[in-house]
Amino acid sequence: MKDQFDAGVVTELDLLQADILLTSTQASIPNLKGVLFIYRNALAVLLGMLPRKIEPLLPGNGKISRISADSPEEAP
């Protein structure tokens, strides 16, 4: 988005709003990881398994995919 700003395609307001959104999203990651941990453990209890034993059963092997902030069109 910085390149778009430099080219005059977007305004400074757009750039600042995108930066705020990015910062806010990054700040929510630790909380989301905690929630994921809690739900993963709850699922393990419901299945009568150890949490590490359910990891191979989860889509993406329990990992959260990453996308580049510069390429949002690559989002799943």
N, C-alpha and C. Protein backbone atom coordinates (compact mmCIF):
# COMPACT_ATOMS: atom_id res chain seq x y z
N MET A 1 0.83 -1.19 0.00
CA MET A 1 0.00 0.00 0.00
C MET A 1 0.88 1.25 0.00
N LYS A 2 2.06 1.15 0.57
CA LYS A 2 2.99 2.28 0.57
C LYS A 2 3.35 2.67 -0.86
N ASP A 3 3.52 1.67 -1.71
CA ASP A 3 3.82 1.95 -3.12
C ASP A 3 2.65 2.68 -3.79
N GLN A 4 1.43 2.29 -3.44
CA GLN A 4 0.26 2.95 -3.99
C GLN A 4 0.18 4.39 -3.51
N PHE A 5 0.53 4.62 -2.25
CA PHE A 5 0.55 5.98 -1.71
C PHE A 5 1.60 6.82 -2.44
N ASP A 6 2.79 6.24 -2.59
CA ASP A 6 3.88 6.95 -3.28
C ASP A 6 3.49 7.29 -4.72
N ALA A 7 2.67 6.42 -5.33
CA ALA A 7 2.24 6.66 -6.71
C ALA A 7 1.03 7.60 -6.78
N GLY A 8 0.47 7.95 -5.62
CA GLY A 8 -0.67 8.86 -5.60
C GLY A 8 -2.00 8.17 -5.83
N VAL A 9 -2.02 6.86 -5.73
CA VAL A 9 -3.25 6.10 -5.98
C VAL A 9 -4.17 6.12 -4.75
N VAL A 10 -3.58 6.09 -3.55
CA VAL A 10 -4.36 6.12 -2.32
C VAL A 10 -3.93 7.32 -1.49
N THR A 11 -4.82 7.73 -0.59
CA THR A 11 -4.54 8.89 0.25
C THR A 11 -3.75 8.49 1.49
N GLU A 12 -3.25 9.50 2.19
CA GLU A 12 -2.54 9.24 3.44
C GLU A 12 -3.49 8.64 4.46
N LEU A 13 -4.76 9.06 4.43
CA LEU A 13 -5.76 8.49 5.34
C LEU A 13 -5.89 6.99 5.10
N ASP A 14 -5.96 6.57 3.82
CA ASP A 14 -6.04 5.15 3.49
C ASP A 14 -4.83 4.40 4.04
N LEU A 15 -3.67 4.99 3.88
CA LEU A 15 -2.43 4.37 4.35
C LEU A 15 -2.44 4.22 5.87
N LEU A 16 -2.86 5.28 6.58
CA LEU A 16 -2.92 5.22 8.04
C LEU A 16 -3.96 4.22 8.53
N GLN A 17 -5.11 4.16 7.86
CA GLN A 17 -6.14 3.20 8.24
C GLN A 17 -5.66 1.76 8.04
N ALA A 18 -4.95 1.52 6.96
CA ALA A 18 -4.41 0.19 6.71
C ALA A 18 -3.38 -0.18 7.78
N ASP A 19 -2.57 0.79 8.17
CA ASP A 19 -1.56 0.54 9.20
C ASP A 19 -2.22 0.25 10.55
N ILE A 20 -3.27 0.98 10.88
CA ILE A 20 -4.00 0.75 12.13
C ILE A 20 -4.64 -0.63 12.12
N LEU A 21 -5.23 -1.01 11.00
CA LEU A 21 -5.84 -2.33 10.88
C LEU A 21 -4.80 -3.43 11.05
N LEU A 22 -3.65 -3.26 10.43
CA LEU A 22 -2.57 -4.24 10.55
C LEU A 22 -2.11 -4.36 12.00
N THR A 23 -1.90 -3.24 12.66
CA THR A 23 -1.45 -3.24 14.05
C THR A 23 -2.50 -3.89 14.96
N SER A 24 -3.75 -3.58 14.73
CA SER A 24 -4.84 -4.16 15.52
C SER A 24 -4.92 -5.67 15.33
N THR A 25 -4.78 -6.11 14.09
CA THR A 25 -4.81 -7.54 13.80
C THR A 25 -3.64 -8.26 14.45
N GLN A 26 -2.46 -7.67 14.35
CA GLN A 26 -1.28 -8.26 14.98
C GLN A 26 -1.44 -8.34 16.49
N ALA A 27 -2.07 -7.36 17.09
CA ALA A 27 -2.27 -7.35 18.54
C ALA A 27 -3.25 -8.43 18.98
N SER A 28 -4.15 -8.84 18.12
CA SER A 28 -5.14 -9.87 18.49
C SER A 28 -4.59 -11.29 18.36
N ILE A 29 -3.45 -11.47 17.73
CA ILE A 29 -2.91 -12.81 17.50
C ILE A 29 -2.64 -13.57 18.80
N PRO A 30 -1.99 -12.99 19.82
CA PRO A 30 -1.76 -13.76 21.05
C PRO A 30 -3.06 -14.26 21.69
N ASN A 31 -4.09 -13.43 21.72
CA ASN A 31 -5.37 -13.84 22.27
C ASN A 31 -5.97 -14.99 21.46
N LEU A 32 -5.91 -14.90 20.15
CA LEU A 32 -6.45 -15.95 19.30
C LEU A 32 -5.69 -17.26 19.47
N LYS A 33 -4.38 -17.17 19.65
CA LYS A 33 -3.59 -18.38 19.89
C LYS A 33 -4.00 -19.03 21.22
N GLY A 34 -4.29 -18.20 22.23
CA GLY A 34 -4.75 -18.73 23.51
C GLY A 34 -6.09 -19.43 23.39
N VAL A 35 -7.00 -18.82 22.64
CA VAL A 35 -8.31 -19.43 22.41
C VAL A 35 -8.16 -20.74 21.65
N LEU A 36 -7.30 -20.76 20.65
CA LEU A 36 -7.04 -21.98 19.89
C LEU A 36 -6.53 -23.09 20.80
N PHE A 37 -5.62 -22.74 21.71
CA PHE A 37 -5.08 -23.70 22.67
C PHE A 37 -6.19 -24.28 23.54
N ILE A 38 -7.06 -23.41 24.04
CA ILE A 38 -8.17 -23.85 24.90
C ILE A 38 -9.11 -24.78 24.14
N TYR A 39 -9.49 -24.41 22.92
CA TYR A 39 -10.42 -25.24 22.15
C TYR A 39 -9.78 -26.56 21.71
N ARG A 40 -8.50 -26.52 21.42
CA ARG A 40 -7.79 -27.74 21.06
C ARG A 40 -7.80 -28.71 22.24
N ASN A 41 -7.55 -28.19 23.44
CA ASN A 41 -7.58 -29.02 24.63
C ASN A 41 -8.99 -29.54 24.92
N ALA A 42 -9.99 -28.69 24.73
CA ALA A 42 -11.38 -29.12 24.94
C ALA A 42 -11.74 -30.24 23.97
N LEU A 43 -11.31 -30.11 22.73
CA LEU A 43 -11.56 -31.15 21.74
C LEU A 43 -10.89 -32.46 22.14
N ALA A 44 -9.67 -32.36 22.64
CA ALA A 44 -8.95 -33.56 23.08
C ALA A 44 -9.70 -34.24 24.23
N VAL A 45 -10.23 -33.45 25.16
CA VAL A 45 -10.99 -34.02 26.27
C VAL A 45 -12.23 -34.72 25.75
N LEU A 46 -12.94 -34.09 24.83
CA LEU A 46 -14.16 -34.69 24.26
C LEU A 46 -13.86 -35.98 23.52
N LEU A 47 -12.70 -36.05 22.88
CA LEU A 47 -12.32 -37.24 22.14
C LEU A 47 -11.62 -38.28 23.01
N GLY A 48 -11.32 -37.91 24.25
CA GLY A 48 -10.62 -38.82 25.14
C GLY A 48 -9.17 -39.06 24.71
N MET A 49 -8.55 -38.03 24.14
CA MET A 49 -7.19 -38.15 23.64
C MET A 49 -6.31 -37.07 24.29
N LEU A 50 -5.01 -37.28 24.22
CA LEU A 50 -4.07 -36.24 24.63
C LEU A 50 -4.04 -35.17 23.54
N PRO A 51 -3.89 -33.89 23.93
CA PRO A 51 -3.89 -32.82 22.93
C PRO A 51 -2.88 -33.04 21.80
N ARG A 52 -1.71 -33.55 22.13
CA ARG A 52 -0.70 -33.75 21.07
C ARG A 52 -1.10 -34.86 20.10
N LYS A 53 -2.01 -35.74 20.52
CA LYS A 53 -2.45 -36.84 19.65
C LYS A 53 -3.49 -36.38 18.62
N ILE A 54 -4.16 -35.26 18.89
CA ILE A 54 -5.16 -34.79 17.92
C ILE A 54 -4.56 -33.87 16.86
N GLU A 55 -3.35 -33.37 17.10
CA GLU A 55 -2.71 -32.46 16.14
C GLU A 55 -2.71 -33.01 14.71
N PRO A 56 -2.31 -34.28 14.49
CA PRO A 56 -2.30 -34.79 13.12
C PRO A 56 -3.69 -34.88 12.48
N LEU A 57 -4.74 -34.87 13.31
CA LEU A 57 -6.10 -34.98 12.79
C LEU A 57 -6.67 -33.64 12.34
N LEU A 58 -6.04 -32.54 12.76
CA LEU A 58 -6.55 -31.21 12.46
C LEU A 58 -6.11 -30.75 11.07
N PRO A 59 -7.00 -30.04 10.35
CA PRO A 59 -6.60 -29.51 9.05
C PRO A 59 -5.41 -28.56 9.19
N GLY A 60 -4.48 -28.66 8.29
CA GLY A 60 -3.31 -27.80 8.34
C GLY A 60 -2.38 -28.18 9.47
N ASN A 61 -2.61 -29.36 10.02
CA ASN A 61 -1.78 -29.86 11.12
C ASN A 61 -1.77 -28.90 12.30
N GLY A 62 -2.90 -28.20 12.51
CA GLY A 62 -3.04 -27.31 13.65
C GLY A 62 -2.35 -25.97 13.51
N LYS A 63 -1.81 -25.67 12.35
CA LYS A 63 -1.08 -24.42 12.14
C LYS A 63 -1.99 -23.40 11.46
N ILE A 64 -1.74 -22.15 11.77
CA ILE A 64 -2.45 -21.06 11.11
C ILE A 64 -1.59 -20.59 9.96
N SER A 65 -2.17 -20.56 8.76
CA SER A 65 -1.38 -20.17 7.60
C SER A 65 -1.07 -18.68 7.65
N ARG A 66 0.03 -18.31 7.05
CA ARG A 66 0.45 -16.92 7.01
C ARG A 66 0.32 -16.40 5.59
N ILE A 67 -0.07 -15.15 5.47
CA ILE A 67 -0.06 -14.49 4.18
C ILE A 67 0.72 -13.20 4.33
N SER A 68 1.22 -12.73 3.24
CA SER A 68 1.98 -11.49 3.26
C SER A 68 1.02 -10.30 3.33
N ALA A 69 1.38 -9.32 4.13
CA ALA A 69 0.56 -8.11 4.22
C ALA A 69 0.59 -7.35 2.89
N ASP A 70 1.61 -7.61 2.08
CA ASP A 70 1.72 -6.93 0.80
C ASP A 70 0.89 -7.58 -0.28
N SER A 71 0.43 -8.82 -0.04
CA SER A 71 -0.31 -9.57 -1.06
C SER A 71 -1.59 -10.16 -0.51
N PRO A 72 -2.58 -9.34 -0.15
CA PRO A 72 -3.81 -9.88 0.43
C PRO A 72 -4.60 -10.73 -0.55
N GLU A 73 -4.32 -10.59 -1.84
CA GLU A 73 -5.05 -11.40 -2.81
C GLU A 73 -4.68 -12.88 -2.71
N GLU A 74 -3.61 -13.21 -1.97
CA GLU A 74 -3.21 -14.59 -1.78
C GLU A 74 -3.95 -15.25 -0.64
N ALA A 75 -4.84 -14.53 0.02
CA ALA A 75 -5.57 -15.11 1.17
C ALA A 75 -6.44 -16.26 0.70
N PRO A 76 -6.54 -17.30 1.59
CA PRO A 76 -7.36 -18.47 1.21
C PRO A 76 -8.82 -18.12 1.15
